[in-house]
PDB file of N, CA and C in Angstrom:
ATOM      1  N   MET A   1     112.054  56.544  96.818  1.00  0.00           N
ATOM      2  CA  MET A   1     111.552  56.770  95.476  1.00  0.00           C
ATOM      3  C   MET A   1     112.571  56.198  94.485  1.00  0.00           C
ATOM      4  N   SER A   2     112.067  55.402  93.553  1.00  0.00           N
ATOM      5  CA  SER A   2     112.960  54.788  92.572  1.00  0.00           C
ATOM      6  C   SER A   2     113.451  55.833  91.566  1.00  0.00           C
ATOM      7  N   GLU A   3     114.470  55.449  90.809  1.00  0.00           N
ATOM      8  CA  GLU A   3     115.011  56.361  89.797  1.00  0.00           C
ATOM      9  C   GLU A   3     113.963  56.682  88.730  1.00  0.00           C
ATOM     10  N   ASP A   4     113.153  55.687  88.371  1.00  0.00           N
ATOM     11  CA  ASP A   4     112.086  55.925  87.391  1.00  0.00           C
ATOM     12  C   ASP A   4     111.065  56.919  87.924  1.00  0.00           C
ATOM     13  N   GLU A   5     110.693  56.755  89.184  1.00  0.00           N
ATOM     14  CA  GLU A   5     109.737  57.682  89.805  1.00  0.00           C
ATOM     15  C   GLU A   5     110.323  59.085  89.895  1.00  0.00           C
ATOM     16  N   LYS A   6     111.606  59.155  90.248  1.00  0.00           N
ATOM     17  CA  LYS A   6     112.276  60.458  90.316  1.00  0.00           C
ATOM     18  C   LYS A   6     112.303  61.125  88.941  1.00  0.00           C
ATOM     19  N   GLY A   7     112.590  60.341  87.923  1.00  0.00           N
ATOM     20  CA  GLY A   7     112.636  60.878  86.567  1.00  0.00           C
ATOM     21  C   GLY A   7     111.277  61.396  86.122  1.00  0.00           C
ATOM     22  N   LYS A   8     110.246  60.625  86.413  1.00  0.00           N
ATOM     23  CA  LYS A   8     108.885  61.035  86.054  1.00  0.00           C
ATOM     24  C   LYS A   8     108.505  62.311  86.800  1.00  0.00           C
ATOM     25  N   ARG A   9     108.784  62.340  88.099  1.00  0.00           N
ATOM     26  CA  ARG A   9     108.449  63.526  88.905  1.00  0.00           C
ATOM     27  C   ARG A   9     109.241  64.734  88.419  1.00  0.00           C
ATOM     28  N   PHE A  10     110.498  64.531  88.077  1.00  0.00           N
ATOM     29  CA  PHE A  10     111.342  65.606  87.561  1.00  0.00           C
ATOM     30  C   PHE A  10     110.706  66.223  86.317  1.00  0.00           C
ATOM     31  N   LEU A  11     110.277  65.385  85.379  1.00  0.00           N
ATOM     32  CA  LEU A  11     109.665  65.887  84.153  1.00  0.00           C
ATOM     33  C   LEU A  11     108.349  66.619  84.428  1.00  0.00           C
ATOM     34  N   GLU A  12     107.557  66.104  85.361  1.00  0.00           N
ATOM     35  CA  GLU A  12     106.304  66.775  85.733  1.00  0.00           C
ATOM     36  C   GLU A  12     106.583  68.159  86.303  1.00  0.00           C
ATOM     37  N   LEU A  13     107.579  68.235  87.179  1.00  0.00           N
ATOM     38  CA  LEU A  13     107.918  69.513  87.812  1.00  0.00           C
ATOM     39  C   LEU A  13     108.466  70.508  86.798  1.00  0.00           C
ATOM     40  N   ILE A  14     109.303  70.035  85.890  1.00  0.00           N
ATOM     41  CA  ILE A  14     109.856  70.914  84.857  1.00  0.00           C
ATOM     42  C   ILE A  14     108.731  71.470  83.985  1.00  0.00           C
ATOM     43  N   ASP A  15     107.770  70.634  83.637  1.00  0.00           N
ATOM     44  CA  ASP A  15     106.639  71.072  82.831  1.00  0.00           C
ATOM     45  C   ASP A  15     105.809  72.120  83.576  1.00  0.00           C
ATOM     46  N   GLU A  16     105.523  71.844  84.841  1.00  0.00           N
ATOM     47  CA  GLU A  16     104.755  72.811  85.633  1.00  0.00           C
ATOM     48  C   GLU A  16     105.517  74.120  85.798  1.00  0.00           C
ATOM     49  N   GLN A  17     106.805  74.019  86.050  1.00  0.00           N
ATOM     50  CA  GLN A  17     107.629  75.215  86.222  1.00  0.00           C
ATOM     51  C   GLN A  17     107.649  76.043  84.938  1.00  0.00           C
ATOM     52  N   ASN A  18     107.733  75.382  83.800  1.00  0.00           N
ATOM     53  CA  ASN A  18     107.720  76.089  82.518  1.00  0.00           C
ATOM     54  C   ASN A  18     106.399  76.848  82.329  1.00  0.00           C
ATOM     55  N   ASN A  19     105.287  76.180  82.638  1.00  0.00           N
ATOM     56  CA  ASN A  19     103.982  76.834  82.525  1.00  0.00           C
ATOM     57  C   ASN A  19     103.877  78.037  83.460  1.00  0.00           C
ATOM     58  N   ILE A  20     104.389  77.896  84.657  1.00  0.00           N
ATOM     59  CA  ILE A  20     104.368  79.003  85.614  1.00  0.00           C
ATOM     60  C   ILE A  20     105.217  80.160  85.106  1.00  0.00           C
ATOM     61  N   GLN A  21     106.370  79.856  84.548  1.00  0.00           N
ATOM     62  CA  GLN A  21     107.231  80.923  84.017  1.00  0.00           C
ATOM     63  C   GLN A  21     106.514  81.709  82.929  1.00  0.00           C
ATOM     64  N   TRP A  22     105.798  81.016  82.044  1.00  0.00           N
ATOM     65  CA  TRP A  22     105.047  81.720  80.994  1.00  0.00           C
ATOM     66  C   TRP A  22     103.932  82.566  81.602  1.00  0.00           C
ATOM     67  N   SER A  23     103.286  82.062  82.650  1.00  0.00           N
ATOM     68  CA  SER A  23     102.242  82.839  83.328  1.00  0.00           C
ATOM     69  C   SER A  23     102.823  84.083  83.988  1.00  0.00           C
ATOM     70  N   ILE A  24     103.999  83.943  84.574  1.00  0.00           N
ATOM     71  CA  ILE A  24     104.664  85.086  85.207  1.00  0.00           C
ATOM     72  C   ILE A  24     104.972  86.148  84.163  1.00  0.00           C
ATOM     73  N   VAL A  25     105.507  85.739  83.028  1.00  0.00           N
ATOM     74  CA  VAL A  25     105.818  86.681  81.952  1.00  0.00           C
ATOM     75  C   VAL A  25     104.547  87.390  81.481  1.00  0.00           C
ATOM     76  N   SER A  26     103.488  86.638  81.321  1.00  0.00           N
ATOM     77  CA  SER A  26     102.219  87.206  80.877  1.00  0.00           C
ATOM     78  C   SER A  26     101.687  88.238  81.866  1.00  0.00           C
ATOM     79  N   LYS A  27     101.730  87.903  83.130  1.00  0.00           N
ATOM     80  CA  LYS A  27     101.223  88.819  84.158  1.00  0.00           C
ATOM     81  C   LYS A  27     102.101  90.053  84.286  1.00  0.00           C
ATOM     82  N   LEU A  28     103.404  89.880  84.179  1.00  0.00           N
ATOM     83  CA  LEU A  28     104.307  91.034  84.215  1.00  0.00           C
ATOM     84  C   LEU A  28     104.046  91.961  83.030  1.00  0.00           C
ATOM     85  N   THR A  29     103.829  91.373  81.869  1.00  0.00           N
ATOM     86  CA  THR A  29     103.514  92.167  80.681  1.00  0.00           C
ATOM     87  C   THR A  29     102.239  92.973  80.900  1.00  0.00           C
ATOM     88  N   PHE A  30     101.227  92.325  81.452  1.00  0.00           N
ATOM     89  CA  PHE A  30      99.971  93.014  81.738  1.00  0.00           C
ATOM     90  C   PHE A  30     100.190  94.157  82.727  1.00  0.00           C
ATOM     91  N   LEU A  31     100.972  93.880  83.783  1.00  0.00           N
ATOM     92  CA  LEU A  31     101.219  94.920  84.786  1.00  0.00           C
ATOM     93  C   LEU A  31     101.939  96.124  84.193  1.00  0.00           C
ATOM     94  N   VAL A  32     102.915  95.873  83.364  1.00  0.00           N
ATOM     95  CA  VAL A  32     103.641  96.971  82.730  1.00  0.00           C
ATOM     96  C   VAL A  32     102.680  97.798  81.879  1.00  0.00           C
ATOM     97  N   LYS A  33     101.841  97.118  81.104  1.00  0.00           N
ATOM     98  CA  LYS A  33     100.890  97.830  80.250  1.00  0.00           C
ATOM     99  C   LYS A  33      99.856  98.603  81.060  1.00  0.00           C
ATOM    100  N   SER A  34      99.535  98.110  82.243  1.00  0.00           N
ATOM    101  CA  SER A  34      98.558  98.796  83.101  1.00  0.00           C
ATOM    102  C   SER A  34      99.228  99.808  84.032  1.00  0.00           C
ATOM    103  N   GLN A  35     100.502 100.030  83.812  1.00  0.00           N
ATOM    104  CA  GLN A  35     101.305 100.925  84.650  1.00  0.00           C
ATOM    105  C   GLN A  35     101.286 100.482  86.116  1.00  0.00           C
ATOM    106  N   TRP A  36     101.391  99.194  86.313  1.00  0.00           N
ATOM    107  CA  TRP A  36     101.485  98.552  87.627  1.00  0.00           C
ATOM    108  C   TRP A  36     100.259  98.819  88.489  1.00  0.00           C
ATOM    109  N   ASP A  37      99.097  98.946  87.846  1.00  0.00           N
ATOM    110  CA  ASP A  37      97.892  99.313  88.574  1.00  0.00           C
ATOM    111  C   ASP A  37      96.862  98.183  88.579  1.00  0.00           C
ATOM    112  N   SER A  38      97.221  97.047  89.125  1.00  0.00           N
ATOM    113  CA  SER A  38      96.287  95.930  89.248  1.00  0.00           C
ATOM    114  C   SER A  38      96.649  95.074  90.454  1.00  0.00           C
ATOM    115  N   SER A  39      95.905  95.249  91.520  1.00  0.00           N
ATOM    116  CA  SER A  39      96.159  94.489  92.755  1.00  0.00           C
ATOM    117  C   SER A  39      95.958  92.997  92.543  1.00  0.00           C
ATOM    118  N   ASN A  40      94.932  92.654  91.766  1.00  0.00           N
ATOM    119  CA  ASN A  40      94.660  91.230  91.533  1.00  0.00           C
ATOM    120  C   ASN A  40      95.824  90.555  90.823  1.00  0.00           C
ATOM    121  N   ILE A  41      96.334  91.191  89.793  1.00  0.00           N
ATOM    122  CA  ILE A  41      97.460  90.606  89.044  1.00  0.00           C
ATOM    123  C   ILE A  41      98.698  90.538  89.934  1.00  0.00           C
ATOM    124  N   LYS A  42      98.918  91.539  90.744  1.00  0.00           N
ATOM    125  CA  LYS A  42     100.068  91.506  91.663  1.00  0.00           C
ATOM    126  C   LYS A  42      99.956  90.324  92.612  1.00  0.00           C
ATOM    127  N   ASN A  43      98.747  90.072  93.123  1.00  0.00           N
ATOM    128  CA  ASN A  43      98.544  88.933  94.028  1.00  0.00           C
ATOM    129  C   ASN A  43      98.742  87.612  93.301  1.00  0.00           C
ATOM    130  N   GLU A  44      98.237  87.505  92.079  1.00  0.00           N
ATOM    131  CA  GLU A  44      98.434  86.294  91.286  1.00  0.00           C
ATOM    132  C   GLU A  44      99.917  86.071  91.010  1.00  0.00           C
ATOM    133  N   LEU A  45     100.614  87.127  90.694  1.00  0.00           N
ATOM    134  CA  LEU A  45     102.043  87.043  90.418  1.00  0.00           C
ATOM    135  C   LEU A  45     102.798  86.568  91.655  1.00  0.00           C
ATOM    136  N   GLU A  46     102.440  87.098  92.799  1.00  0.00           N
ATOM    137  CA  GLU A  46     103.073  86.685  94.054  1.00  0.00           C
ATOM    138  C   GLU A  46     102.857  85.189  94.297  1.00  0.00           C
ATOM    139  N   SER A  47     101.655  84.717  94.040  1.00  0.00           N
ATOM    140  CA  SER A  47     101.342  83.300  94.208  1.00  0.00           C
ATOM    141  C   SER A  47     102.133  82.429  93.227  1.00  0.00           C
ATOM    142  N   LEU A  48     102.240  82.864  91.983  1.00  0.00           N
ATOM    143  CA  LEU A  48     103.012  82.126  90.981  1.00  0.00           C
ATOM    144  C   LEU A  48     104.483  82.043  91.363  1.00  0.00           C
ATOM    145  N   ILE A  49     105.030  83.130  91.855  1.00  0.00           N
ATOM    146  CA  ILE A  49     106.434  83.139  92.251  1.00  0.00           C
ATOM    147  C   ILE A  49     106.668  82.197  93.432  1.00  0.00           C
ATOM    148  N   LYS A  50     105.720  82.176  94.363  1.00  0.00           N
ATOM    149  CA  LYS A  50     105.837  81.269  95.510  1.00  0.00           C
ATOM    150  C   LYS A  50     105.832  79.812  95.030  1.00  0.00           C
ATOM    151  N   ARG A  51     104.910  79.471  94.126  1.00  0.00           N
ATOM    152  CA  ARG A  51     104.846  78.098  93.612  1.00  0.00           C
ATOM    153  C   ARG A  51     106.103  77.740  92.832  1.00  0.00           C
ATOM    154  N   HIS A  52     106.615  78.682  92.059  1.00  0.00           N
ATOM    155  CA  HIS A  52     107.855  78.453  91.307  1.00  0.00           C
ATOM    156  C   HIS A  52     108.997  78.116  92.274  1.00  0.00           C
ATOM    157  N   SER A  53     109.071  78.831  93.376  1.00  0.00           N
ATOM    158  CA  SER A  53     110.112  78.565  94.383  1.00  0.00           C
ATOM    159  C   SER A  53     109.942  77.180  94.998  1.00  0.00           C
ATOM    160  N   GLU A  54     108.693  76.795  95.273  1.00  0.00           N
ATOM    161  CA  GLU A  54     108.431  75.470  95.840  1.00  0.00           C
ATOM    162  C   GLU A  54     108.871  74.370  94.874  1.00  0.00           C
ATOM    163  N   ILE A  55     108.579  74.559  93.595  1.00  0.00           N
ATOM    164  CA  ILE A  55     108.975  73.572  92.589  1.00  0.00           C
ATOM    165  C   ILE A  55     110.497  73.480  92.515  1.00  0.00           C
ATOM    166  N   THR A  56     111.165  74.617  92.540  1.00  0.00           N
ATOM    167  CA  THR A  56     112.631  74.631  92.488  1.00  0.00           C
ATOM    168  C   THR A  56     113.211  73.862  93.673  1.00  0.00           C
ATOM    169  N   LYS A  57     112.645  74.068  94.859  1.00  0.00           N
ATOM    170  CA  LYS A  57     113.116  73.347  96.044  1.00  0.00           C
ATOM    171  C   LYS A  57     112.904  71.853  95.889  1.00  0.00           C
ATOM    172  N   GLU A  58     111.730  71.466  95.356  1.00  0.00           N
ATOM    173  CA  GLU A  58     111.469  70.037  95.169  1.00  0.00           C
ATOM    174  C   GLU A  58     112.400  69.441  94.124  1.00  0.00           C
ATOM    175  N   LEU A  59     112.639  70.169  93.038  1.00  0.00           N
ATOM    176  CA  LEU A  59     113.586  69.695  92.026  1.00  0.00           C
ATOM    177  C   LEU A  59     114.968  69.496  92.632  1.00  0.00           C
ATOM    178  N   ASN A  60     115.394  70.440  93.448  1.00  0.00           N
ATOM    179  CA  ASN A  60     116.708  70.321  94.082  1.00  0.00           C
ATOM    180  C   ASN A  60     116.757  69.134  95.033  1.00  0.00           C
ATOM    181  N   SER A  61     115.637  68.834  95.700  1.00  0.00           N
ATOM    182  CA  SER A  61     115.631  67.705  96.628  1.00  0.00           C
ATOM    183  C   SER A  61     115.672  66.370  95.888  1.00  0.00           C
ATOM    184  N   LEU A  62     115.199  66.340  94.640  1.00  0.00           N
ATOM    185  CA  LEU A  62     115.289  65.110  93.841  1.00  0.00           C
ATOM    186  C   LEU A  62     116.724  64.831  93.417  1.00  0.00           C
ATOM    187  N   ASP A  63     117.511  65.870  93.342  1.00  0.00           N
ATOM    188  CA  ASP A  63     118.880  65.771  92.832  1.00  0.00           C
ATOM    189  C   ASP A  63     119.866  65.564  93.981  1.00  0.00           C
ATOM    190  N   ASP A  64     119.781  64.417  94.641  1.00  0.00           N
ATOM    191  CA  ASP A  64     120.753  64.143  95.687  1.00  0.00           C
ATOM    192  C   ASP A  64     121.926  63.359  95.111  1.00  0.00           C
ATOM    193  N   LYS A  65     122.894  63.067  95.931  1.00  0.00           N
ATOM    194  CA  LYS A  65     124.124  62.434  95.451  1.00  0.00           C
ATOM    195  C   LYS A  65     123.913  61.033  94.900  1.00  0.00           C
ATOM    196  N   SER A  66     122.847  60.351  95.324  1.00  0.00           N
ATOM    197  CA  SER A  66     122.626  58.983  94.841  1.00  0.00           C
ATOM    198  C   SER A  66     121.743  58.938  93.605  1.00  0.00           C
ATOM    199  N   SER A  67     121.349  60.095  93.104  1.00  0.00           N
ATOM    200  CA  SER A  67     120.440  60.152  91.969  1.00  0.00           C
ATOM    201  C   SER A  67     121.185  60.433  90.667  1.00  0.00           C
ATOM    202  N   LEU A  68     120.611  59.967  89.565  1.00  0.00           N
ATOM    203  CA  LEU A  68     121.186  60.267  88.259  1.00  0.00           C
ATOM    204  C   LEU A  68     120.771  61.646  87.764  1.00  0.00           C
ATOM    205  N   LEU A  69     119.735  62.237  88.369  1.00  0.00           N
ATOM    206  CA  LEU A  69     119.226  63.531  87.912  1.00  0.00           C
ATOM    207  C   LEU A  69     120.141  64.641  88.321  1.00  0.00           C
TER     208      LEU A  69
END
Protein backbone atom coordinates (compact mmCIF):
# COMPACT_ATOMS: atom_id res chain seq x y z
CA MET A 1 0.00 0.00 0.00
CA SER A 2 1.42 3.36 -1.01
CA GLU A 3 1.82 6.25 1.42
CA ASP A 4 -1.08 8.07 -0.27
CA GLU A 5 -3.32 5.03 0.11
CA LYS A 6 -2.26 4.66 3.74
CA GLY A 7 -3.03 8.31 4.38
CA LYS A 8 -6.45 8.05 2.77
CA ARG A 9 -7.27 4.86 4.69
CA PHE A 10 -6.03 6.46 7.92
CA LEU A 11 -8.41 9.40 7.47
CA GLU A 12 -11.33 7.08 6.64
CA LEU A 13 -10.68 5.01 9.75
CA ILE A 14 -10.34 8.07 11.98
CA ASP A 15 -13.66 9.39 10.67
CA GLU A 16 -15.41 6.06 11.24
CA GLN A 17 -13.87 5.73 14.69
CA ASN A 18 -15.07 9.23 15.61
CA ASN A 19 -18.62 8.39 14.51
CA ILE A 20 -18.53 5.17 16.52
CA GLN A 21 -17.31 7.02 19.61
CA TRP A 22 -20.26 9.42 19.37
CA SER A 23 -22.63 6.45 18.98
CA ILE A 24 -21.11 4.80 22.04
CA VAL A 25 -21.61 7.98 24.08
CA SER A 26 -25.20 8.24 22.89
CA LYS A 27 -26.00 4.64 23.75
CA LEU A 28 -24.33 4.90 27.15
CA THR A 29 -26.36 8.02 27.88
CA PHE A 30 -29.54 6.18 26.94
CA LEU A 31 -28.60 3.21 29.12
CA VAL A 32 -27.93 5.41 32.12
CA LYS A 33 -31.27 7.16 31.66
CA SER A 34 -33.04 3.80 31.34
CA GLN A 35 -31.27 2.55 34.47
CA TRP A 36 -29.34 0.01 32.37
CA ASP A 37 -32.55 -1.72 31.33
CA SER A 38 -32.25 -2.23 27.58
CA SER A 39 -30.88 -5.47 26.15
CA ASN A 40 -30.99 -4.14 22.60
CA ILE A 41 -28.89 -1.08 23.43
CA LYS A 42 -26.43 -3.24 25.38
CA ASN A 43 -26.02 -5.49 22.33
CA GLU A 44 -25.58 -2.49 20.02
CA LEU A 45 -23.01 -1.04 22.40
CA GLU A 46 -21.10 -4.32 22.47
CA SER A 47 -21.03 -4.35 18.66
CA LEU A 48 -19.83 -0.73 18.50
CA ILE A 49 -17.04 -1.43 20.96
CA LYS A 50 -15.94 -4.46 18.94
CA ARG A 51 -15.82 -2.38 15.73
CA HIS A 52 -13.93 0.40 17.52
CA SER A 53 -11.31 -2.16 18.59
CA GLU A 54 -11.02 -3.49 15.03
CA ILE A 55 -10.47 0.03 13.70
CA THR A 56 -7.82 0.71 16.35
CA LYS A 57 -5.98 -2.48 15.35
CA GLU A 58 -6.12 -1.50 11.68
CA LEU A 59 -4.88 2.01 12.46
CA ASN A 60 -1.99 0.54 14.42
CA SER A 61 -1.14 -1.79 11.53
CA LEU A 62 -0.93 1.20 9.16
CA ASP A 63 1.63 2.80 11.46
CA ASP A 64 4.65 0.61 10.82
CA LYS A 65 8.27 1.74 10.90
CA SER A 66 8.39 2.50 7.17
CA SER A 67 5.30 4.70 7.25
CA LEU A 68 5.01 8.43 7.80
CA LEU A 69 1.77 7.95 9.77
